[in-house]
């Protein structure tokens, strides 16, 4: 008796569904779907729970006293750390072997480290600057021959606004390997003026004139006192240095005001500021 087409189809279907291999595949597929669902739920809810757990530091006094840029950095570290932890956990749930995962993470970390070596140096520099408060926004600093006010501190770089209002971006890695002078860390600051006078002028008169000029400024401090001395004997002039102290916030106002008055003050006592001179002697030659 010939076998009809419907009977052939029914026979094949019955053989498939009664086959142990197929049943095992179905069970594994369903199990994998449950793993995916579980991994998704763990990632979704785990992120919220861990952020709540690790978010306690935002309520601490230490956190509230930090610079805004450091707060942003800490938040970024915590958030990214939580995501990385959850991704690793999810991969383990999905069946990735622990040894394979460790090898992959190590290789990836090494590759990233080599590719971003300079950026990692800048990152380390940013952490040091922000953690130890080497300077803060608004401070007057000298960094790598750049002088100005700190405009912005980022994790990878610091922006300085110089006296010409130019913005200078300096990598943090370069900053921590160079000398940093922070003029805003002390309440008072010394100003110094060096003036060359003619060899024909009276040194003591010139010193008294310059000291009186500084003392005439109301905001020049009486203690430490104003002082002056001869700093060097040049080719064309005797160089005198006069020094005075002022509060940090008054420094530039006083400095520029005195600079404008120096010439007029010396003129009152007929003290001249000589031009560079060169004496030429002619020797008569007898033939």
C-alpha atoms as a PDB file:
ATOM      1  CA  UNK A   1       0.000   0.000   0.000  1.00  0.00           C
ATOM      2  CA  UNK A   2       1.552   3.371  -1.038  1.00  0.00           C
ATOM      3  CA  UNK A   3       2.384   5.941   1.656  1.00  0.00           C
ATOM      4  CA  UNK A   4       0.671   9.293   1.118  1.00  0.00           C
ATOM      5  CA  UNK A   5       2.391  12.695   1.550  1.00  0.00           C
ATOM      6  CA  UNK A   6       0.503  13.656   4.775  1.00  0.00           C
ATOM      7  CA  UNK A   7       1.588  10.371   6.352  1.00  0.00           C
ATOM      8  CA  UNK A   8       5.246  11.075   5.529  1.00  0.00           C
ATOM      9  CA  UNK A   9       5.047  14.542   7.090  1.00  0.00           C
ATOM     10  CA  UNK A  10       3.363  13.197  10.235  1.00  0.00           C
ATOM     11  CA  UNK A  11       6.009  10.502  10.557  1.00  0.00           C
ATOM     12  CA  UNK A  12       8.874  13.024  10.322  1.00  0.00           C
ATOM     13  CA  UNK A  13       7.266  15.352  12.875  1.00  0.00           C
ATOM     14  CA  UNK A  14       6.692  12.511  15.299  1.00  0.00           C
ATOM     15  CA  UNK A  15      10.291  11.363  14.972  1.00  0.00           C
ATOM     16  CA  UNK A  16      11.581  14.906  15.604  1.00  0.00           C
ATOM     17  CA  UNK A  17       9.536  15.528  18.699  1.00  0.00           C
ATOM     18  CA  UNK A  18      10.194  12.115  20.142  1.00  0.00           C
ATOM     19  CA  UNK A  19      13.958  12.536  19.578  1.00  0.00           C
ATOM     20  CA  UNK A  20      15.957  13.007  22.815  1.00  0.00           C
ATOM     21  CA  UNK A  21      18.467  15.364  21.139  1.00  0.00           C
ATOM     22  CA  UNK A  22      15.781  17.813  20.072  1.00  0.00           C
ATOM     23  CA  UNK A  23      14.175  17.733  23.505  1.00  0.00           C
ATOM     24  CA  UNK A  24      17.540  18.461  25.068  1.00  0.00           C
ATOM     25  CA  UNK A  25      18.022  21.441  22.724  1.00  0.00           C
ATOM     26  CA  UNK A  26      14.628  22.805  23.660  1.00  0.00           C
ATOM     27  CA  UNK A  27      15.405  22.532  27.359  1.00  0.00           C
ATOM     28  CA  UNK A  28      18.792  24.234  26.895  1.00  0.00           C
ATOM     29  CA  UNK A  29      17.227  27.014  24.828  1.00  0.00           C
ATOM     30  CA  UNK A  30      14.557  27.655  27.453  1.00  0.00           C
ATOM     31  CA  UNK A  31      17.217  27.584  30.175  1.00  0.00           C
ATOM     32  CA  UNK A  32      19.311  30.106  28.199  1.00  0.00           C
ATOM     33  CA  UNK A  33      16.268  32.368  27.792  1.00  0.00           C
ATOM     34  CA  UNK A  34      15.776  32.293  31.551  1.00  0.00           C
ATOM     35  CA  UNK A  35      19.455  33.166  31.998  1.00  0.00           C
ATOM     36  CA  UNK A  36      19.118  36.137  29.656  1.00  0.00           C
ATOM     37  CA  UNK A  37      15.992  37.293  31.477  1.00  0.00           C
ATOM     38  CA  UNK A  38      17.709  36.854  34.845  1.00  0.00           C
ATOM     39  CA  UNK A  39      20.810  38.719  33.659  1.00  0.00           C
ATOM     40  CA  UNK A  40      18.686  41.599  32.393  1.00  0.00           C
ATOM     41  CA  UNK A  41      16.764  41.845  35.664  1.00  0.00           C
ATOM     42  CA  UNK A  42      19.961  41.693  37.711  1.00  0.00           C
ATOM     43  CA  UNK A  43      21.577  44.419  35.588  1.00  0.00           C
ATOM     44  CA  UNK A  44      18.517  46.682  35.665  1.00  0.00           C
ATOM     45  CA  UNK A  45      17.643  46.378  39.340  1.00  0.00           C
ATOM     46  CA  UNK A  46      21.245  45.831  40.483  1.00  0.00           C
ATOM     47  CA  UNK A  47      22.288  49.174  39.012  1.00  0.00           C
ATOM     48  CA  UNK A  48      19.617  51.005  41.013  1.00  0.00           C
ATOM     49  CA  UNK A  49      20.358  49.114  44.232  1.00  0.00           C
ATOM     50  CA  UNK A  50      24.142  49.529  44.016  1.00  0.00           C
ATOM     51  CA  UNK A  51      23.814  53.233  43.232  1.00  0.00           C
ATOM     52  CA  UNK A  52      21.730  53.613  46.369  1.00  0.00           C
ATOM     53  CA  UNK A  53      24.270  51.658  48.421  1.00  0.00           C
ATOM     54  CA  UNK A  54      27.349  53.442  47.064  1.00  0.00           C
ATOM     55  CA  UNK A  55      25.607  56.821  46.932  1.00  0.00           C
ATOM     56  CA  UNK A  56      25.933  57.374  50.691  1.00  0.00           C
ATOM     57  CA  UNK A  57      29.116  59.414  50.168  1.00  0.00           C
ATOM     58  CA  UNK A  58      27.094  62.219  48.531  1.00  0.00           C
ATOM     59  CA  UNK A  59      25.625  63.050  51.937  1.00  0.00           C
ATOM     60  CA  UNK A  60      28.977  63.308  53.708  1.00  0.00           C
ATOM     61  CA  UNK A  61      30.565  66.601  54.746  1.00  0.00           C
ATOM     62  CA  UNK A  62      33.774  65.693  52.916  1.00  0.00           C
ATOM     63  CA  UNK A  63      31.921  65.309  49.606  1.00  0.00           C
ATOM     64  CA  UNK A  64      30.079  68.611  49.993  1.00  0.00           C
ATOM     65  CA  UNK A  65      33.376  70.454  50.533  1.00  0.00           C
ATOM     66  CA  UNK A  66      34.946  69.125  47.334  1.00  0.00           C
ATOM     67  CA  UNK A  67      35.447  71.061  44.111  1.00  0.00           C
ATOM     68  CA  UNK A  68      32.654  70.535  41.568  1.00  0.00           C
ATOM     69  CA  UNK A  69      35.110  68.934  39.120  1.00  0.00           C
ATOM     70  CA  UNK A  70      36.201  66.386  41.757  1.00  0.00           C
ATOM     71  CA  UNK A  71      32.558  65.644  42.600  1.00  0.00           C
ATOM     72  CA  UNK A  72      31.900  64.964  38.924  1.00  0.00           C
ATOM     73  CA  UNK A  73      34.940  62.693  38.751  1.00  0.00           C
ATOM     74  CA  UNK A  74      33.916  60.679  41.828  1.00  0.00           C
ATOM     75  CA  UNK A  75      30.380  60.260  40.491  1.00  0.00           C
ATOM     76  CA  UNK A  76      31.783  59.073  37.171  1.00  0.00           C
ATOM     77  CA  UNK A  77      34.106  56.564  38.893  1.00  0.00           C
ATOM     78  CA  UNK A  78      31.268  55.150  41.025  1.00  0.00           C
ATOM     79  CA  UNK A  79      28.786  54.924  38.135  1.00  0.00           C
ATOM     80  CA  UNK A  80      31.260  53.320  35.747  1.00  0.00           C
ATOM     81  CA  UNK A  81      32.510  50.980  38.470  1.00  0.00           C
ATOM     82  CA  UNK A  82      28.969  49.791  39.169  1.00  0.00           C
ATOM     83  CA  UNK A  83      28.311  49.164  35.463  1.00  0.00           C
ATOM     84  CA  UNK A  84      31.577  47.223  35.050  1.00  0.00           C
ATOM     85  CA  UNK A  85      30.789  45.091  38.123  1.00  0.00           C
ATOM     86  CA  UNK A  86      27.318  44.283  36.800  1.00  0.00           C
ATOM     87  CA  UNK A  87      28.581  43.468  33.297  1.00  0.00           C
ATOM     88  CA  UNK A  88      31.093  40.988  34.745  1.00  0.00           C
ATOM     89  CA  UNK A  89      28.373  39.432  36.924  1.00  0.00           C
ATOM     90  CA  UNK A  90      25.969  39.199  33.970  1.00  0.00           C
ATOM     91  CA  UNK A  91      28.607  37.511  31.787  1.00  0.00           C
ATOM     92  CA  UNK A  92      29.208  34.929  34.526  1.00  0.00           C
ATOM     93  CA  UNK A  93      25.462  34.263  34.754  1.00  0.00           C
ATOM     94  CA  UNK A  94      25.310  33.787  30.980  1.00  0.00           C
ATOM     95  CA  UNK A  95      27.885  31.022  31.278  1.00  0.00           C
ATOM     96  CA  UNK A  96      31.162  32.734  30.386  1.00  0.00           C
ATOM     97  CA  UNK A  97      34.006  30.910  32.114  1.00  0.00           C
ATOM     98  CA  UNK A  98      35.733  32.825  34.899  1.00  0.00           C
ATOM     99  CA  UNK A  99      39.231  32.050  33.577  1.00  0.00           C
ATOM    100  CA  UNK A 100      38.321  33.261  30.074  1.00  0.00           C
ATOM    101  CA  UNK A 101      36.795  36.437  31.491  1.00  0.00           C
ATOM    102  CA  UNK A 102      39.893  37.212  33.598  1.00  0.00           C
ATOM    103  CA  UNK A 103      42.169  36.661  30.583  1.00  0.00           C
ATOM    104  CA  UNK A 104      40.005  38.923  28.413  1.00  0.00           C
ATOM    105  CA  UNK A 105      39.862  41.701  31.028  1.00  0.00           C
ATOM    106  CA  UNK A 106      43.637  41.519  31.553  1.00  0.00           C
ATOM    107  CA  UNK A 107      44.365  41.699  27.828  1.00  0.00           C
ATOM    108  CA  UNK A 108      41.867  44.514  27.339  1.00  0.00           C
ATOM    109  CA  UNK A 109      43.298  46.460  30.286  1.00  0.00           C
ATOM    110  CA  UNK A 110      46.839  46.093  28.957  1.00  0.00           C
ATOM    111  CA  UNK A 111      45.807  47.281  25.481  1.00  0.00           C
ATOM    112  CA  UNK A 112      43.895  50.258  26.851  1.00  0.00           C
ATOM    113  CA  UNK A 113      46.769  51.119  29.185  1.00  0.00           C
ATOM    114  CA  UNK A 114      49.300  51.207  26.334  1.00  0.00           C
ATOM    115  CA  UNK A 115      46.993  53.142  24.013  1.00  0.00           C
ATOM    116  CA  UNK A 116      46.023  55.718  26.645  1.00  0.00           C
ATOM    117  CA  UNK A 117      49.340  55.990  28.492  1.00  0.00           C
ATOM    118  CA  UNK A 118      49.513  59.807  28.288  1.00  0.00           C
ATOM    119  CA  UNK A 119      45.855  60.193  29.201  1.00  0.00           C
ATOM    120  CA  UNK A 120      46.338  57.959  32.226  1.00  0.00           C
ATOM    121  CA  UNK A 121      49.226  60.193  33.320  1.00  0.00           C
ATOM    122  CA  UNK A 122      46.971  63.232  32.955  1.00  0.00           C
ATOM    123  CA  UNK A 123      44.215  61.409  34.848  1.00  0.00           C
ATOM    124  CA  UNK A 124      46.597  60.624  37.716  1.00  0.00           C
ATOM    125  CA  UNK A 125      47.713  64.267  37.713  1.00  0.00           C
ATOM    126  CA  UNK A 126      44.115  65.455  37.864  1.00  0.00           C
ATOM    127  CA  UNK A 127      43.371  63.178  40.816  1.00  0.00           C
ATOM    128  CA  UNK A 128      46.443  64.462  42.680  1.00  0.00           C
ATOM    129  CA  UNK A 129      45.591  68.124  41.987  1.00  0.00           C
ATOM    130  CA  UNK A 130      41.957  67.766  43.021  1.00  0.00           C
ATOM    131  CA  UNK A 131      42.604  65.537  46.024  1.00  0.00           C
ATOM    132  CA  UNK A 132      45.436  67.572  47.550  1.00  0.00           C
ATOM    133  CA  UNK A 133      43.953  70.919  46.396  1.00  0.00           C
ATOM    134  CA  UNK A 134      47.227  72.094  44.877  1.00  0.00           C
ATOM    135  CA  UNK A 135      45.215  75.041  43.566  1.00  0.00           C
ATOM    136  CA  UNK A 136      41.563  75.852  43.004  1.00  0.00           C
ATOM    137  CA  UNK A 137      39.524  77.884  40.531  1.00  0.00           C
ATOM    138  CA  UNK A 138      40.342  81.602  40.908  1.00  0.00           C
ATOM    139  CA  UNK A 139      43.867  81.122  42.279  1.00  0.00           C
ATOM    140  CA  UNK A 140      46.727  83.104  40.752  1.00  0.00           C
ATOM    141  CA  UNK A 141      49.369  80.601  39.682  1.00  0.00           C
ATOM    142  CA  UNK A 142      52.556  80.188  37.677  1.00  0.00           C
ATOM    143  CA  UNK A 143      52.695  76.832  35.875  1.00  0.00           C
ATOM    144  CA  UNK A 144      55.202  75.851  33.198  1.00  0.00           C
ATOM    145  CA  UNK A 145      56.065  79.523  32.442  1.00  0.00           C
ATOM    146  CA  UNK A 146      52.360  80.422  32.227  1.00  0.00           C
ATOM    147  CA  UNK A 147      51.106  83.030  34.689  1.00  0.00           C
ATOM    148  CA  UNK A 148      47.447  83.762  35.278  1.00  0.00           C
ATOM    149  CA  UNK A 149      44.289  82.750  37.105  1.00  0.00           C
ATOM    150  CA  UNK A 150      42.908  79.211  37.215  1.00  0.00           C
ATOM    151  CA  UNK A 151      39.764  79.238  35.083  1.00  0.00           C
ATOM    152  CA  UNK A 152      38.824  75.544  35.153  1.00  0.00           C
ATOM    153  CA  UNK A 153      40.151  72.263  36.540  1.00  0.00           C
ATOM    154  CA  UNK A 154      39.250  69.119  34.633  1.00  0.00           C
ATOM    155  CA  UNK A 155      40.353  65.552  35.235  1.00  0.00           C
ATOM    156  CA  UNK A 156      42.766  65.605  32.294  1.00  0.00           C
ATOM    157  CA  UNK A 157      43.762  69.291  32.075  1.00  0.00           C
ATOM    158  CA  UNK A 158      43.794  72.701  33.768  1.00  0.00           C
ATOM    159  CA  UNK A 159      42.746  75.921  32.014  1.00  0.00           C
ATOM    160  CA  UNK A 160      44.514  79.166  32.938  1.00  0.00           C
ATOM    161  CA  UNK A 161      43.388  82.642  31.909  1.00  0.00           C
ATOM    162  CA  UNK A 162      46.493  84.812  31.563  1.00  0.00           C
ATOM    163  CA  UNK A 163      46.698  88.597  31.918  1.00  0.00           C
ATOM    164  CA  UNK A 164      45.965  89.028  28.192  1.00  0.00           C
ATOM    165  CA  UNK A 165      42.706  87.110  28.770  1.00  0.00           C
ATOM    166  CA  UNK A 166      43.972  84.161  26.705  1.00  0.00           C
ATOM    167  CA  UNK A 167      42.865  80.710  27.798  1.00  0.00           C
ATOM    168  CA  UNK A 168      45.769  78.272  28.141  1.00  0.00           C
ATOM    169  CA  UNK A 169      45.004  74.553  28.507  1.00  0.00           C
ATOM    170  CA  UNK A 170      47.798  72.576  30.228  1.00  0.00           C
ATOM    171  CA  UNK A 171      47.727  68.752  30.605  1.00  0.00           C
ATOM    172  CA  UNK A 172      47.644  67.743  34.265  1.00  0.00           C
ATOM    173  CA  UNK A 173      50.432  65.207  33.721  1.00  0.00           C
ATOM    174  CA  UNK A 174      52.737  68.050  32.677  1.00  0.00           C
ATOM    175  CA  UNK A 175      51.673  70.171  35.654  1.00  0.00           C
ATOM    176  CA  UNK A 176      52.555  67.650  38.361  1.00  0.00           C
ATOM    177  CA  UNK A 177      56.008  67.127  36.839  1.00  0.00           C
ATOM    178  CA  UNK A 178      56.784  70.883  36.868  1.00  0.00           C
ATOM    179  CA  UNK A 179      57.126  73.595  39.485  1.00  0.00           C
ATOM    180  CA  UNK A 180      53.843  75.187  40.589  1.00  0.00           C
ATOM    181  CA  UNK A 181      53.786  78.610  42.257  1.00  0.00           C
ATOM    182  CA  UNK A 182      50.446  79.445  43.854  1.00  0.00           C
ATOM    183  CA  UNK A 183      50.351  83.123  44.794  1.00  0.00           C
ATOM    184  CA  UNK A 184      46.928  82.824  46.440  1.00  0.00           C
ATOM    185  CA  UNK A 185      47.798  80.436  49.253  1.00  0.00           C
ATOM    186  CA  UNK A 186      49.164  83.063  51.662  1.00  0.00           C
ATOM    187  CA  UNK A 187      47.288  86.082  53.083  1.00  0.00           C
ATOM    188  CA  UNK A 188      50.115  88.550  52.345  1.00  0.00           C
ATOM    189  CA  UNK A 189      52.527  88.903  49.461  1.00  0.00           C
ATOM    190  CA  UNK A 190      55.769  90.776  48.841  1.00  0.00           C
ATOM    191  CA  UNK A 191      56.243  93.130  45.908  1.00  0.00           C
ATOM    192  CA  UNK A 192      59.653  94.109  44.588  1.00  0.00           C
ATOM    193  CA  UNK A 193      60.802  96.955  42.343  1.00  0.00           C
ATOM    194  CA  UNK A 194      64.309  97.192  40.916  1.00  0.00           C
ATOM    195  CA  UNK A 195      65.395 100.623  39.662  1.00  0.00           C
ATOM    196  CA  UNK A 196      68.704 101.688  38.142  1.00  0.00           C
ATOM    197  CA  UNK A 197      70.016 105.144  39.105  1.00  0.00           C
ATOM    198  CA  UNK A 198      72.965 107.120  37.786  1.00  0.00           C
ATOM    199  CA  UNK A 199      76.402 106.743  39.375  1.00  0.00           C
ATOM    200  CA  UNK A 200      76.301 110.511  40.011  1.00  0.00           C
ATOM    201  CA  UNK A 201      73.192 110.227  42.226  1.00  0.00           C
ATOM    202  CA  UNK A 202      73.124 109.791  46.002  1.00  0.00           C
ATOM    203  CA  UNK A 203      72.334 106.165  46.858  1.00  0.00           C
ATOM    204  CA  UNK A 204      70.864 106.909  50.311  1.00  0.00           C
ATOM    205  CA  UNK A 205      68.639 109.660  48.910  1.00  0.00           C
ATOM    206  CA  UNK A 206      67.363 107.324  46.225  1.00  0.00           C
ATOM    207  CA  UNK A 207      66.629 104.592  48.782  1.00  0.00           C
ATOM    208  CA  UNK A 208      64.740 107.014  51.073  1.00  0.00           C
ATOM    209  CA  UNK A 209      62.752 108.281  48.075  1.00  0.00           C
ATOM    210  CA  UNK A 210      61.683 104.781  47.005  1.00  0.00           C
ATOM    211  CA  UNK A 211      60.853 103.642  50.545  1.00  0.00           C
ATOM    212  CA  UNK A 212      58.765 106.777  51.142  1.00  0.00           C
ATOM    213  CA  UNK A 213      56.863 106.106  47.902  1.00  0.00           C
ATOM    214  CA  UNK A 214      55.877 102.617  49.064  1.00  0.00           C
ATOM    215  CA  UNK A 215      54.953 103.816  52.562  1.00  0.00           C
ATOM    216  CA  UNK A 216      52.706 106.487  51.051  1.00  0.00           C
ATOM    217  CA  UNK A 217      50.399 103.749  49.800  1.00  0.00           C
ATOM    218  CA  UNK A 218      47.716 103.178  52.466  1.00  0.00           C
ATOM    219  CA  UNK A 219      47.442  99.465  51.766  1.00  0.00           C
ATOM    220  CA  UNK A 220      51.173  98.746  52.078  1.00  0.00           C
ATOM    221  CA  UNK A 221      51.637  96.882  55.361  1.00  0.00           C
ATOM    222  CA  UNK A 222      53.760  98.395  58.143  1.00  0.00           C
ATOM    223  CA  UNK A 223      54.796  94.916  59.282  1.00  0.00           C
ATOM    224  CA  UNK A 224      56.819  93.437  57.657  1.00  0.00           C
ATOM    225  CA  UNK A 225      58.443  96.843  57.038  1.00  0.00           C
ATOM    226  CA  UNK A 226      59.429  98.404  53.713  1.00  0.00           C
ATOM    227  CA  UNK A 227      63.108  97.790  52.939  1.00  0.00           C
ATOM    228  CA  UNK A 228      65.606  98.657  50.219  1.00  0.00           C
ATOM    229  CA  UNK A 229      69.183  97.793  49.276  1.00  0.00           C
ATOM    230  CA  UNK A 230      71.659  97.989  46.430  1.00  0.00           C
ATOM    231  CA  UNK A 231      71.267  94.800  44.408  1.00  0.00           C
ATOM    232  CA  UNK A 232      74.111  95.247  41.907  1.00  0.00           C
ATOM    233  CA  UNK A 233      76.454  97.695  40.175  1.00  0.00           C
ATOM    234  CA  UNK A 234      75.727  97.623  36.465  1.00  0.00           C
ATOM    235  CA  UNK A 235      77.622  98.989  33.491  1.00  0.00           C
ATOM    236  CA  UNK A 236      75.518 102.158  33.385  1.00  0.00           C
ATOM    237  CA  UNK A 237      73.625 102.254  36.673  1.00  0.00           C
ATOM    238  CA  UNK A 238      73.511 101.391  40.355  1.00  0.00           C
ATOM    239  CA  UNK A 239      70.577  99.014  40.769  1.00  0.00           C
ATOM    240  CA  UNK A 240      68.433  99.435  43.872  1.00  0.00           C
ATOM    241  CA  UNK A 241      65.694  97.036  45.019  1.00  0.00           C
ATOM    242  CA  UNK A 242      62.827  98.254  47.197  1.00  0.00           C
ATOM    243  CA  UNK A 243      60.420  95.749  48.776  1.00  0.00           C
ATOM    244  CA  UNK A 244      57.079  96.027  50.511  1.00  0.00           C
ATOM    245  CA  UNK A 245      54.240  93.762  51.630  1.00  0.00           C
ATOM    246  CA  UNK A 246      50.508  93.899  50.928  1.00  0.00           C
ATOM    247  CA  UNK A 247      47.436  91.745  51.343  1.00  0.00           C
ATOM    248  CA  UNK A 248      47.067  89.279  48.522  1.00  0.00           C
ATOM    249  CA  UNK A 249      43.841  90.805  47.229  1.00  0.00           C
ATOM    250  CA  UNK A 250      45.447  94.305  47.082  1.00  0.00           C
ATOM    251  CA  UNK A 251      48.703  93.239  45.402  1.00  0.00           C
ATOM    252  CA  UNK A 252      48.088  94.140  41.763  1.00  0.00           C
ATOM    253  CA  UNK A 253      46.248  97.394  42.511  1.00  0.00           C
ATOM    254  CA  UNK A 254      49.180  98.666  44.600  1.00  0.00           C
ATOM    255  CA  UNK A 255      51.839  97.251  42.294  1.00  0.00           C
ATOM    256  CA  UNK A 256      50.512  98.999  39.186  1.00  0.00           C
ATOM    257  CA  UNK A 257      49.879 102.263  41.083  1.00  0.00           C
ATOM    258  CA  UNK A 258      53.471 102.383  42.383  1.00  0.00           C
ATOM    259  CA  UNK A 259      54.844 101.469  38.976  1.00  0.00           C
ATOM    260  CA  UNK A 260      53.097 104.513  37.524  1.00  0.00           C
ATOM    261  CA  UNK A 261      54.516 106.811  40.230  1.00  0.00           C
ATOM    262  CA  UNK A 262      58.148 105.654  40.323  1.00  0.00           C
ATOM    263  CA  UNK A 263      59.551 108.004  37.671  1.00  0.00           C
ATOM    264  CA  UNK A 264      57.748 111.083  39.028  1.00  0.00           C
ATOM    265  CA  UNK A 265      58.863 110.332  42.580  1.00  0.00           C
ATOM    266  CA  UNK A 266      62.543 110.059  41.580  1.00  0.00           C
ATOM    267  CA  UNK A 267      62.325 113.234  39.480  1.00  0.00           C
ATOM    268  CA  UNK A 268      61.392 115.228  42.607  1.00  0.00           C
ATOM    269  CA  UNK A 269      64.856 114.552  44.053  1.00  0.00           C
ATOM    270  CA  UNK A 270      66.603 114.912  40.677  1.00  0.00           C
ATOM    271  CA  UNK A 271      67.457 111.231  40.625  1.00  0.00           C
ATOM    272  CA  UNK A 272      67.956 110.073  37.051  1.00  0.00           C
ATOM    273  CA  UNK A 273      67.365 106.691  35.454  1.00  0.00           C
ATOM    274  CA  UNK A 274      70.260 106.464  32.996  1.00  0.00           C
ATOM    275  CA  UNK A 275      70.261 105.045  29.512  1.00  0.00           C
ATOM    276  CA  UNK A 276      72.800 102.324  28.755  1.00  0.00           C
ATOM    277  CA  UNK A 277      76.114 104.056  28.098  1.00  0.00           C
ATOM    278  CA  UNK A 278      79.308 103.055  26.405  1.00  0.00           C
ATOM    279  CA  UNK A 279      82.525 104.976  26.965  1.00  0.00           C
ATOM    280  CA  UNK A 280      84.840 105.055  23.966  1.00  0.00           C
ATOM    281  CA  UNK A 281      88.455 106.145  24.445  1.00  0.00           C
ATOM    282  CA  UNK A 282      90.569 107.237  21.507  1.00  0.00           C
ATOM    283  CA  UNK A 283      94.253 106.588  21.878  1.00  0.00           C
ATOM    284  CA  UNK A 284      96.457 108.792  19.788  1.00  0.00           C
ATOM    285  CA  UNK A 285      98.956 106.744  17.894  1.00  0.00           C
ATOM    286  CA  UNK A 286     102.322 108.307  17.087  1.00  0.00           C
ATOM    287  CA  UNK A 287     104.026 107.285  13.899  1.00  0.00           C
END
